[in-house]
All heavy atoms as atom14 arrays in JSON, in Angstrom:
{
  "sequence": "TDVVHVRGEEDFVVRRARADGPNNDLFAEANRVWSSADGVTLAE",
  "atom14_mask": [
    [1, 1, 1, 1, 1, 1, 1, 0, 0, 0, 0, 0, 0, 0],
    [1, 1, 1, 1, 1, 1, 1, 1, 0, 0, 0, 0, 0, 0],
    [1, 1, 1, 1, 1, 1, 1, 0, 0, 0, 0, 0, 0, 0],
    [1, 1, 1, 1, 1, 1, 1, 0, 0, 0, 0, 0, 0, 0],
    [1, 1, 1, 1, 1, 1, 1, 1, 1, 1, 0, 0, 0, 0],
    [1, 1, 1, 1, 1, 1, 1, 0, 0, 0, 0, 0, 0, 0],
    [1, 1, 1, 1, 1, 1, 1, 1, 1, 1, 1, 0, 0, 0],
    [1, 1, 1, 1, 0, 0, 0, 0, 0, 0, 0, 0, 0, 0],
    [1, 1, 1, 1, 1, 1, 1, 1, 1, 0, 0, 0, 0, 0],
    [1, 1, 1, 1, 1, 1, 1, 1, 1, 0, 0, 0, 0, 0],
    [1, 1, 1, 1, 1, 1, 1, 1, 0, 0, 0, 0, 0, 0],
    [1, 1, 1, 1, 1, 1, 1, 1, 1, 1, 1, 0, 0, 0],
    [1, 1, 1, 1, 1, 1, 1, 0, 0, 0, 0, 0, 0, 0],
    [1, 1, 1, 1, 1, 1, 1, 0, 0, 0, 0, 0, 0, 0],
    [1, 1, 1, 1, 1, 1, 1, 1, 1, 1, 1, 0, 0, 0],
    [1, 1, 1, 1, 1, 1, 1, 1, 1, 1, 1, 0, 0, 0],
    [1, 1, 1, 1, 1, 0, 0, 0, 0, 0, 0, 0, 0, 0],
    [1, 1, 1, 1, 1, 1, 1, 1, 1, 1, 1, 0, 0, 0],
    [1, 1, 1, 1, 1, 0, 0, 0, 0, 0, 0, 0, 0, 0],
    [1, 1, 1, 1, 1, 1, 1, 1, 0, 0, 0, 0, 0, 0],
    [1, 1, 1, 1, 0, 0, 0, 0, 0, 0, 0, 0, 0, 0],
    [1, 1, 1, 1, 1, 1, 1, 0, 0, 0, 0, 0, 0, 0],
    [1, 1, 1, 1, 1, 1, 1, 1, 0, 0, 0, 0, 0, 0],
    [1, 1, 1, 1, 1, 1, 1, 1, 0, 0, 0, 0, 0, 0],
    [1, 1, 1, 1, 1, 1, 1, 1, 0, 0, 0, 0, 0, 0],
    [1, 1, 1, 1, 1, 1, 1, 1, 0, 0, 0, 0, 0, 0],
    [1, 1, 1, 1, 1, 1, 1, 1, 1, 1, 1, 0, 0, 0],
    [1, 1, 1, 1, 1, 0, 0, 0, 0, 0, 0, 0, 0, 0],
    [1, 1, 1, 1, 1, 1, 1, 1, 1, 0, 0, 0, 0, 0],
    [1, 1, 1, 1, 1, 0, 0, 0, 0, 0, 0, 0, 0, 0],
    [1, 1, 1, 1, 1, 1, 1, 1, 0, 0, 0, 0, 0, 0],
    [1, 1, 1, 1, 1, 1, 1, 1, 1, 1, 1, 0, 0, 0],
    [1, 1, 1, 1, 1, 1, 1, 0, 0, 0, 0, 0, 0, 0],
    [1, 1, 1, 1, 1, 1, 1, 1, 1, 1, 1, 1, 1, 1],
    [1, 1, 1, 1, 1, 1, 0, 0, 0, 0, 0, 0, 0, 0],
    [1, 1, 1, 1, 1, 1, 0, 0, 0, 0, 0, 0, 0, 0],
    [1, 1, 1, 1, 1, 0, 0, 0, 0, 0, 0, 0, 0, 0],
    [1, 1, 1, 1, 1, 1, 1, 1, 0, 0, 0, 0, 0, 0],
    [1, 1, 1, 1, 0, 0, 0, 0, 0, 0, 0, 0, 0, 0],
    [1, 1, 1, 1, 1, 1, 1, 0, 0, 0, 0, 0, 0, 0],
    [1, 1, 1, 1, 1, 1, 1, 0, 0, 0, 0, 0, 0, 0],
    [1, 1, 1, 1, 1, 1, 1, 1, 0, 0, 0, 0, 0, 0],
    [1, 1, 1, 1, 1, 0, 0, 0, 0, 0, 0, 0, 0, 0],
    [1, 1, 1, 1, 1, 1, 1, 1, 1, 0, 0, 0, 0, 0]
  ],
  "atom14_positions": [
    [[-74.29, 211.49, 36.25], [-75.39, 210.96, 35.45], [-76.45, 211.99, 35.3], [-76.85, 212.61, 36.28], [-75.92, 209.67, 36.13], [-74.87, 208.72, 36.26], [-77.01, 209.07, 35.27], [0.0, 0.0, 0.0], [0.0, 0.0, 0.0], [0.0, 0.0, 0.0], [0.0, 0.0, 0.0], [0.0, 0.0, 0.0], [0.0, 0.0, 0.0], [0.0, 0.0, 0.0]],
    [[-76.96, 212.1, 34.05], [-78.15, 212.93, 33.84], [-79.36, 212.01, 33.91], [-79.34, 210.94, 33.33], [-78.09, 213.64, 32.48], [-77.03, 214.69, 32.35], [-76.51, 215.14, 33.42], [-76.7, 215.07, 31.23], [0.0, 0.0, 0.0], [0.0, 0.0, 0.0], [0.0, 0.0, 0.0], [0.0, 0.0, 0.0], [0.0, 0.0, 0.0], [0.0, 0.0, 0.0]],
    [[-80.37, 212.48, 34.64], [-81.55, 211.63, 34.91], [-82.82, 212.48, 34.7], [-82.91, 213.58, 35.13], [-81.56, 211.11, 36.35], [-82.77, 210.21, 36.57], [-80.3, 210.42, 36.68], [0.0, 0.0, 0.0], [0.0, 0.0, 0.0], [0.0, 0.0, 0.0], [0.0, 0.0, 0.0], [0.0, 0.0, 0.0], [0.0, 0.0, 0.0], [0.0, 0.0, 0.0]],
    [[-83.72, 211.88, 33.92], [-85.12, 212.45, 33.74], [-86.06, 211.37, 34.14], [-86.11, 210.31, 33.52], [-85.3, 212.92, 32.27], [-86.73, 213.45, 32.14], [-84.27, 213.94, 31.88], [0.0, 0.0, 0.0], [0.0, 0.0, 0.0], [0.0, 0.0, 0.0], [0.0, 0.0, 0.0], [0.0, 0.0, 0.0], [0.0, 0.0, 0.0], [0.0, 0.0, 0.0]],
    [[-86.82, 211.59, 35.22], [-87.84, 210.63, 35.64], [-89.22, 211.25, 35.39], [-89.56, 212.26, 36.01], [-87.65, 210.26, 37.15], [-88.55, 209.19, 37.59], [-88.74, 208.92, 38.89], [-89.23, 208.22, 36.93], [-89.58, 207.85, 39.03], [-89.91, 207.48, 37.83], [0.0, 0.0, 0.0], [0.0, 0.0, 0.0], [0.0, 0.0, 0.0], [0.0, 0.0, 0.0]],
    [[-89.95, 210.66, 34.46], [-91.21, 211.17, 34.07], [-92.33, 210.28, 34.62], [-92.45, 209.11, 34.28], [-91.39, 211.24, 32.52], [-92.74, 211.8, 32.13], [-90.25, 212.06, 31.92], [0.0, 0.0, 0.0], [0.0, 0.0, 0.0], [0.0, 0.0, 0.0], [0.0, 0.0, 0.0], [0.0, 0.0, 0.0], [0.0, 0.0, 0.0], [0.0, 0.0, 0.0]],
    [[-93.11, 210.86, 35.56], [-94.3, 210.16, 36.09], [-95.54, 210.71, 35.45], [-96.58, 210.0, 35.49], [-94.3, 210.37, 37.62], [-93.11, 209.71, 38.31], [-93.11, 209.96, 39.81], [-92.92, 211.38, 40.12], [-91.72, 211.96, 40.33], [-90.64, 211.27, 40.22], [-91.65, 213.25, 40.58], [0.0, 0.0, 0.0], [0.0, 0.0, 0.0], [0.0, 0.0, 0.0]],
    [[-95.48, 211.84, 34.88], [-96.61, 212.47, 34.2], [-96.15, 213.78, 33.6], [-95.05, 214.3, 33.85], [0.0, 0.0, 0.0], [0.0, 0.0, 0.0], [0.0, 0.0, 0.0], [0.0, 0.0, 0.0], [0.0, 0.0, 0.0], [0.0, 0.0, 0.0], [0.0, 0.0, 0.0], [0.0, 0.0, 0.0], [0.0, 0.0, 0.0], [0.0, 0.0, 0.0]],
    [[-97.03, 214.37, 32.77], [-96.73, 215.62, 32.09], [-96.29, 216.77, 33.04], [-95.42, 217.53, 32.76], [-97.9, 216.11, 31.29], [-97.74, 217.31, 30.48], [-97.1, 217.1, 29.16], [-97.24, 215.97, 28.64], [-96.56, 218.03, 28.57], [0.0, 0.0, 0.0], [0.0, 0.0, 0.0], [0.0, 0.0, 0.0], [0.0, 0.0, 0.0], [0.0, 0.0, 0.0]],
    [[-96.88, 216.76, 34.26], [-96.57, 217.77, 35.23], [-95.92, 217.18, 36.47], [-95.83, 217.85, 37.5], [-97.8, 218.56, 35.56], [-98.37, 219.3, 34.37], [-99.65, 220.07, 34.65], [-100.08, 220.1, 35.87], [-100.23, 220.59, 33.71], [0.0, 0.0, 0.0], [0.0, 0.0, 0.0], [0.0, 0.0, 0.0], [0.0, 0.0, 0.0], [0.0, 0.0, 0.0]],
    [[-95.46, 215.93, 36.41], [-94.88, 215.26, 37.56], [-93.59, 214.62, 37.08], [-93.6, 213.51, 36.52], [-95.83, 214.22, 38.1], [-95.42, 213.56, 39.37], [-94.36, 213.97, 39.93], [-96.07, 212.63, 39.84], [0.0, 0.0, 0.0], [0.0, 0.0, 0.0], [0.0, 0.0, 0.0], [0.0, 0.0, 0.0], [0.0, 0.0, 0.0], [0.0, 0.0, 0.0]],
    [[-92.43, 215.27, 37.26], [-91.16, 214.79, 36.75], [-89.98, 215.33, 37.57], [-90.17, 216.29, 38.35], [-90.99, 215.26, 35.3], [-91.13, 216.78, 35.1], [-90.03, 217.6, 35.28], [-92.35, 217.31, 34.8], [-90.12, 218.96, 35.12], [-92.44, 218.68, 34.65], [-91.4, 219.52, 34.8], [0.0, 0.0, 0.0], [0.0, 0.0, 0.0], [0.0, 0.0, 0.0]],
    [[-88.85, 214.68, 37.44], [-87.64, 215.13, 38.04], [-86.58, 215.19, 36.95], [-86.44, 214.2, 36.23], [-87.17, 214.2, 39.18], [-85.82, 214.62, 39.75], [-88.17, 214.13, 40.3], [0.0, 0.0, 0.0], [0.0, 0.0, 0.0], [0.0, 0.0, 0.0], [0.0, 0.0, 0.0], [0.0, 0.0, 0.0], [0.0, 0.0, 0.0], [0.0, 0.0, 0.0]],
    [[-85.88, 216.31, 36.79], [-84.81, 216.42, 35.81], [-83.59, 216.95, 36.57], [-83.66, 217.99, 37.21], [-85.18, 217.42, 34.71], [-84.06, 217.57, 33.72], [-86.47, 216.95, 33.99], [0.0, 0.0, 0.0], [0.0, 0.0, 0.0], [0.0, 0.0, 0.0], [0.0, 0.0, 0.0], [0.0, 0.0, 0.0], [0.0, 0.0, 0.0], [0.0, 0.0, 0.0]],
    [[-82.48, 216.15, 36.53], [-81.32, 216.55, 37.29], [-80.04, 215.91, 36.77], [-80.09, 214.93, 36.03], [-81.42, 216.22, 38.76], [-81.49, 214.78, 39.11], [-81.44, 214.49, 40.58], [-82.15, 215.49, 41.37], [-82.11, 215.55, 42.7], [-81.5, 214.67, 43.37], [-82.77, 216.48, 43.32], [0.0, 0.0, 0.0], [0.0, 0.0, 0.0], [0.0, 0.0, 0.0]],
    [[-78.92, 216.5, 37.2], [-77.62, 215.92, 36.99], [-77.13, 215.55, 38.4], [-77.26, 216.35, 39.35], [-76.61, 216.87, 36.31], [-75.23, 216.23, 36.21], [-74.32, 217.06, 35.31], [-74.74, 216.87, 33.92], [-74.26, 217.6, 32.93], [-73.37, 218.57, 33.13], [-74.7, 217.41, 31.7], [0.0, 0.0, 0.0], [0.0, 0.0, 0.0], [0.0, 0.0, 0.0]],
    [[-76.69, 214.32, 38.57], [-76.33, 213.81, 39.88], [-74.94, 213.23, 39.86], [-74.45, 212.8, 38.81], [-77.3, 212.77, 40.3], [0.0, 0.0, 0.0], [0.0, 0.0, 0.0], [0.0, 0.0, 0.0], [0.0, 0.0, 0.0], [0.0, 0.0, 0.0], [0.0, 0.0, 0.0], [0.0, 0.0, 0.0], [0.0, 0.0, 0.0], [0.0, 0.0, 0.0]],
    [[-74.3, 213.25, 41.0], [-73.0, 212.57, 41.18], [-73.28, 211.1, 41.28], [-73.94, 210.62, 42.19], [-72.27, 213.03, 42.4], [-71.81, 214.49, 42.34], [-70.8, 214.8, 43.38], [-69.56, 214.03, 43.18], [-68.53, 214.44, 42.48], [-68.57, 215.6, 41.88], [-67.48, 213.67, 42.33], [0.0, 0.0, 0.0], [0.0, 0.0, 0.0], [0.0, 0.0, 0.0]],
    [[-72.8, 210.34, 40.33], [-72.94, 208.88, 40.33], [-72.04, 208.29, 41.48], [-72.32, 207.22, 41.93], [-72.59, 208.28, 39.01], [0.0, 0.0, 0.0], [0.0, 0.0, 0.0], [0.0, 0.0, 0.0], [0.0, 0.0, 0.0], [0.0, 0.0, 0.0], [0.0, 0.0, 0.0], [0.0, 0.0, 0.0], [0.0, 0.0, 0.0], [0.0, 0.0, 0.0]],
    [[-70.99, 209.01, 41.81], [-70.1, 208.51, 42.84], [-70.32, 209.27, 44.17], [-69.41, 209.33, 45.01], [-68.65, 208.64, 42.4], [-68.19, 210.07, 42.18], [-69.07, 210.98, 42.16], [-67.01, 210.32, 42.04], [0.0, 0.0, 0.0], [0.0, 0.0, 0.0], [0.0, 0.0, 0.0], [0.0, 0.0, 0.0], [0.0, 0.0, 0.0], [0.0, 0.0, 0.0]],
    [[-71.5, 209.83, 44.32], [-71.79, 210.66, 45.52], [-71.91, 209.85, 46.77], [-71.76, 208.62, 46.8], [0.0, 0.0, 0.0], [0.0, 0.0, 0.0], [0.0, 0.0, 0.0], [0.0, 0.0, 0.0], [0.0, 0.0, 0.0], [0.0, 0.0, 0.0], [0.0, 0.0, 0.0], [0.0, 0.0, 0.0], [0.0, 0.0, 0.0], [0.0, 0.0, 0.0]],
    [[-72.21, 210.56, 47.88], [-72.24, 209.94, 49.18], [-73.43, 208.95, 49.37], [-73.44, 208.18, 50.35], [-72.31, 211.13, 50.18], [-72.92, 212.2, 49.34], [-72.44, 211.98, 47.92], [0.0, 0.0, 0.0], [0.0, 0.0, 0.0], [0.0, 0.0, 0.0], [0.0, 0.0, 0.0], [0.0, 0.0, 0.0], [0.0, 0.0, 0.0], [0.0, 0.0, 0.0]],
    [[-74.45, 209.04, 48.57], [-75.61, 208.19, 48.67], [-75.8, 207.36, 47.38], [-75.55, 207.87, 46.31], [-76.85, 209.1, 48.91], [-78.07, 208.3, 49.29], [-78.45, 207.37, 48.67], [-78.72, 208.76, 50.39], [0.0, 0.0, 0.0], [0.0, 0.0, 0.0], [0.0, 0.0, 0.0], [0.0, 0.0, 0.0], [0.0, 0.0, 0.0], [0.0, 0.0, 0.0]],
    [[-76.17, 206.14, 47.53], [-76.28, 205.26, 46.33], [-77.56, 205.51, 45.55], [-77.78, 204.91, 44.52], [-76.11, 203.79, 46.69], [-77.21, 203.28, 47.6], [-78.15, 204.05, 47.97], [-77.18, 202.04, 47.92], [0.0, 0.0, 0.0], [0.0, 0.0, 0.0], [0.0, 0.0, 0.0], [0.0, 0.0, 0.0], [0.0, 0.0, 0.0], [0.0, 0.0, 0.0]],
    [[-78.36, 206.46, 45.96], [-79.62, 206.85, 45.26], [-79.34, 208.07, 44.48], [-79.06, 209.18, 45.05], [-80.72, 207.11, 46.31], [-82.02, 207.53, 45.69], [-82.1, 207.72, 44.45], [-82.99, 207.71, 46.47], [0.0, 0.0, 0.0], [0.0, 0.0, 0.0], [0.0, 0.0, 0.0], [0.0, 0.0, 0.0], [0.0, 0.0, 0.0], [0.0, 0.0, 0.0]],
    [[-79.41, 208.03, 43.15], [-79.17, 209.18, 42.26], [-80.05, 210.35, 42.56], [-79.69, 211.53, 42.39], [-79.36, 208.78, 40.79], [-78.24, 208.04, 40.11], [-78.67, 207.65, 38.73], [-76.94, 208.78, 40.14], [0.0, 0.0, 0.0], [0.0, 0.0, 0.0], [0.0, 0.0, 0.0], [0.0, 0.0, 0.0], [0.0, 0.0, 0.0], [0.0, 0.0, 0.0]],
    [[-81.27, 210.07, 43.16], [-82.17, 211.16, 43.45], [-81.98, 211.75, 44.85], [-82.68, 212.66, 45.19], [-83.6, 210.66, 43.29], [-83.95, 210.28, 41.84], [-83.91, 208.98, 41.47], [-84.24, 211.29, 40.97], [-84.16, 208.61, 40.11], [-84.52, 210.97, 39.64], [-84.52, 209.65, 39.21], [0.0, 0.0, 0.0], [0.0, 0.0, 0.0], [0.0, 0.0, 0.0]],
    [[-80.98, 211.22, 45.61], [-80.7, 211.8, 46.94], [-80.21, 213.18, 46.79], [-79.43, 213.53, 45.87], [-79.72, 210.92, 47.65], [0.0, 0.0, 0.0], [0.0, 0.0, 0.0], [0.0, 0.0, 0.0], [0.0, 0.0, 0.0], [0.0, 0.0, 0.0], [0.0, 0.0, 0.0], [0.0, 0.0, 0.0], [0.0, 0.0, 0.0], [0.0, 0.0, 0.0]],
    [[-80.64, 214.05, 47.65], [-80.25, 215.47, 47.61], [-78.75, 215.65, 47.72], [-78.17, 216.55, 47.07], [-80.95, 216.26, 48.73], [-80.79, 217.74, 48.66], [-81.36, 218.28, 47.36], [-82.3, 217.79, 46.81], [-80.84, 219.38, 46.95], [0.0, 0.0, 0.0], [0.0, 0.0, 0.0], [0.0, 0.0, 0.0], [0.0, 0.0, 0.0], [0.0, 0.0, 0.0]],
    [[-78.05, 214.78, 48.46], [-76.62, 214.87, 48.64], [-75.88, 214.61, 47.33], [-74.74, 215.08, 47.16], [-76.14, 213.86, 49.65], [0.0, 0.0, 0.0], [0.0, 0.0, 0.0], [0.0, 0.0, 0.0], [0.0, 0.0, 0.0], [0.0, 0.0, 0.0], [0.0, 0.0, 0.0], [0.0, 0.0, 0.0], [0.0, 0.0, 0.0], [0.0, 0.0, 0.0]],
    [[-76.52, 214.0, 46.32], [-75.88, 213.71, 45.06], [-76.24, 214.71, 43.98], [-75.68, 214.69, 42.9], [-76.29, 212.34, 44.56], [-75.78, 211.22, 45.48], [-74.85, 211.41, 46.22], [-76.39, 210.08, 45.36], [0.0, 0.0, 0.0], [0.0, 0.0, 0.0], [0.0, 0.0, 0.0], [0.0, 0.0, 0.0], [0.0, 0.0, 0.0], [0.0, 0.0, 0.0]],
    [[-77.15, 215.62, 44.27], [-77.63, 216.59, 43.3], [-76.51, 217.59, 42.92], [-76.0, 218.23, 43.81], [-78.88, 217.32, 43.75], [-79.42, 218.27, 42.65], [-80.71, 218.91, 43.19], [-80.58, 219.67, 44.38], [-80.14, 220.96, 44.45], [-79.83, 221.59, 43.33], [-80.03, 221.57, 45.58], [0.0, 0.0, 0.0], [0.0, 0.0, 0.0], [0.0, 0.0, 0.0]],
    [[-76.22, 217.74, 41.64], [-75.31, 218.75, 41.17], [-76.13, 219.91, 40.54], [-75.77, 221.06, 40.69], [-74.33, 218.16, 40.13], [-73.45, 219.21, 39.53], [-73.51, 217.06, 40.76], [0.0, 0.0, 0.0], [0.0, 0.0, 0.0], [0.0, 0.0, 0.0], [0.0, 0.0, 0.0], [0.0, 0.0, 0.0], [0.0, 0.0, 0.0], [0.0, 0.0, 0.0]],
    [[-77.12, 219.57, 39.84], [-78.01, 220.52, 39.17], [-79.4, 219.91, 39.05], [-79.54, 218.71, 38.86], [-77.52, 220.84, 37.75], [-78.44, 221.74, 36.96], [-78.42, 223.09, 36.95], [-79.48, 221.26, 36.14], [-79.45, 223.49, 36.13], [-80.12, 222.43, 35.65], [-80.02, 220.03, 35.78], [-81.24, 222.4, 34.78], [-81.13, 219.96, 34.95], [-81.72, 221.16, 34.46]],
    [[-80.44, 220.73, 39.18], [-81.83, 220.26, 38.91], [-82.56, 221.4, 38.25], [-82.25, 222.58, 38.45], [-82.48, 219.71, 40.15], [-82.64, 220.72, 41.11], [0.0, 0.0, 0.0], [0.0, 0.0, 0.0], [0.0, 0.0, 0.0], [0.0, 0.0, 0.0], [0.0, 0.0, 0.0], [0.0, 0.0, 0.0], [0.0, 0.0, 0.0], [0.0, 0.0, 0.0]],
    [[-83.63, 221.07, 37.53], [-84.39, 222.1, 36.89], [-85.11, 222.93, 37.94], [-85.39, 222.53, 39.07], [-85.41, 221.43, 35.95], [-86.26, 220.56, 36.64], [0.0, 0.0, 0.0], [0.0, 0.0, 0.0], [0.0, 0.0, 0.0], [0.0, 0.0, 0.0], [0.0, 0.0, 0.0], [0.0, 0.0, 0.0], [0.0, 0.0, 0.0], [0.0, 0.0, 0.0]],
    [[-85.43, 224.16, 37.52], [-86.1, 225.08, 38.43], [-87.54, 224.65, 38.67], [-88.16, 224.0, 37.8], [-86.04, 226.48, 37.77], [0.0, 0.0, 0.0], [0.0, 0.0, 0.0], [0.0, 0.0, 0.0], [0.0, 0.0, 0.0], [0.0, 0.0, 0.0], [0.0, 0.0, 0.0], [0.0, 0.0, 0.0], [0.0, 0.0, 0.0], [0.0, 0.0, 0.0]],
    [[-88.1, 225.04, 39.78], [-89.48, 224.83, 40.08], [-90.35, 225.61, 39.12], [-89.98, 226.73, 38.71], [-89.83, 225.17, 41.52], [-89.18, 224.27, 42.56], [-88.87, 223.11, 42.17], [-89.05, 224.66, 43.68], [0.0, 0.0, 0.0], [0.0, 0.0, 0.0], [0.0, 0.0, 0.0], [0.0, 0.0, 0.0], [0.0, 0.0, 0.0], [0.0, 0.0, 0.0]],
    [[-91.49, 225.07, 38.77], [-92.43, 225.82, 37.95], [-92.21, 225.76, 36.46], [-92.97, 226.35, 35.73], [0.0, 0.0, 0.0], [0.0, 0.0, 0.0], [0.0, 0.0, 0.0], [0.0, 0.0, 0.0], [0.0, 0.0, 0.0], [0.0, 0.0, 0.0], [0.0, 0.0, 0.0], [0.0, 0.0, 0.0], [0.0, 0.0, 0.0], [0.0, 0.0, 0.0]],
    [[-91.2, 225.06, 36.0], [-90.99, 224.94, 34.56], [-91.75, 223.76, 34.01], [-92.1, 222.79, 34.75], [-89.49, 224.85, 34.26], [-88.74, 226.05, 34.7], [-88.87, 223.59, 34.8], [0.0, 0.0, 0.0], [0.0, 0.0, 0.0], [0.0, 0.0, 0.0], [0.0, 0.0, 0.0], [0.0, 0.0, 0.0], [0.0, 0.0, 0.0], [0.0, 0.0, 0.0]],
    [[-91.97, 223.75, 32.74], [-92.61, 222.58, 32.11], [-91.57, 221.52, 31.87], [-90.39, 221.71, 31.98], [-93.19, 222.96, 30.74], [-92.14, 223.29, 29.83], [-94.2, 224.16, 30.83], [0.0, 0.0, 0.0], [0.0, 0.0, 0.0], [0.0, 0.0, 0.0], [0.0, 0.0, 0.0], [0.0, 0.0, 0.0], [0.0, 0.0, 0.0], [0.0, 0.0, 0.0]],
    [[-92.04, 220.32, 31.58], [-91.16, 219.2, 31.25], [-90.26, 219.58, 30.1], [-89.05, 219.35, 30.17], [-91.98, 217.92, 30.91], [-91.16, 216.72, 30.51], [-90.15, 216.28, 31.61], [-92.13, 215.57, 30.2], [0.0, 0.0, 0.0], [0.0, 0.0, 0.0], [0.0, 0.0, 0.0], [0.0, 0.0, 0.0], [0.0, 0.0, 0.0], [0.0, 0.0, 0.0]],
    [[-90.81, 220.11, 29.03], [-89.98, 220.56, 27.9], [-88.91, 221.59, 28.28], [-87.76, 221.48, 27.88], [-90.9, 221.08, 26.77], [0.0, 0.0, 0.0], [0.0, 0.0, 0.0], [0.0, 0.0, 0.0], [0.0, 0.0, 0.0], [0.0, 0.0, 0.0], [0.0, 0.0, 0.0], [0.0, 0.0, 0.0], [0.0, 0.0, 0.0], [0.0, 0.0, 0.0]],
    [[-89.27, 222.58, 29.09], [-88.3, 223.58, 29.54], [-87.18, 222.92, 30.37], [-86.03, 223.25, 30.2], [-88.99, 224.66, 30.35], [-89.9, 225.53, 29.49], [-90.8, 226.42, 30.3], [-91.09, 226.12, 31.5], [-91.25, 227.45, 29.78], [0.0, 0.0, 0.0], [0.0, 0.0, 0.0], [0.0, 0.0, 0.0], [0.0, 0.0, 0.0], [0.0, 0.0, 0.0]]
  ]
}
């Protein structure tokens, strides 16, 4: 699952996660497959 959680212009999480991963929370580190780099803008 691709997930974008926007809390604000500079407060967001963008990632691809394993929906069938070891944790039922998509935002759990164990489920992370890819996430955006630190320091990038929301658009980037």
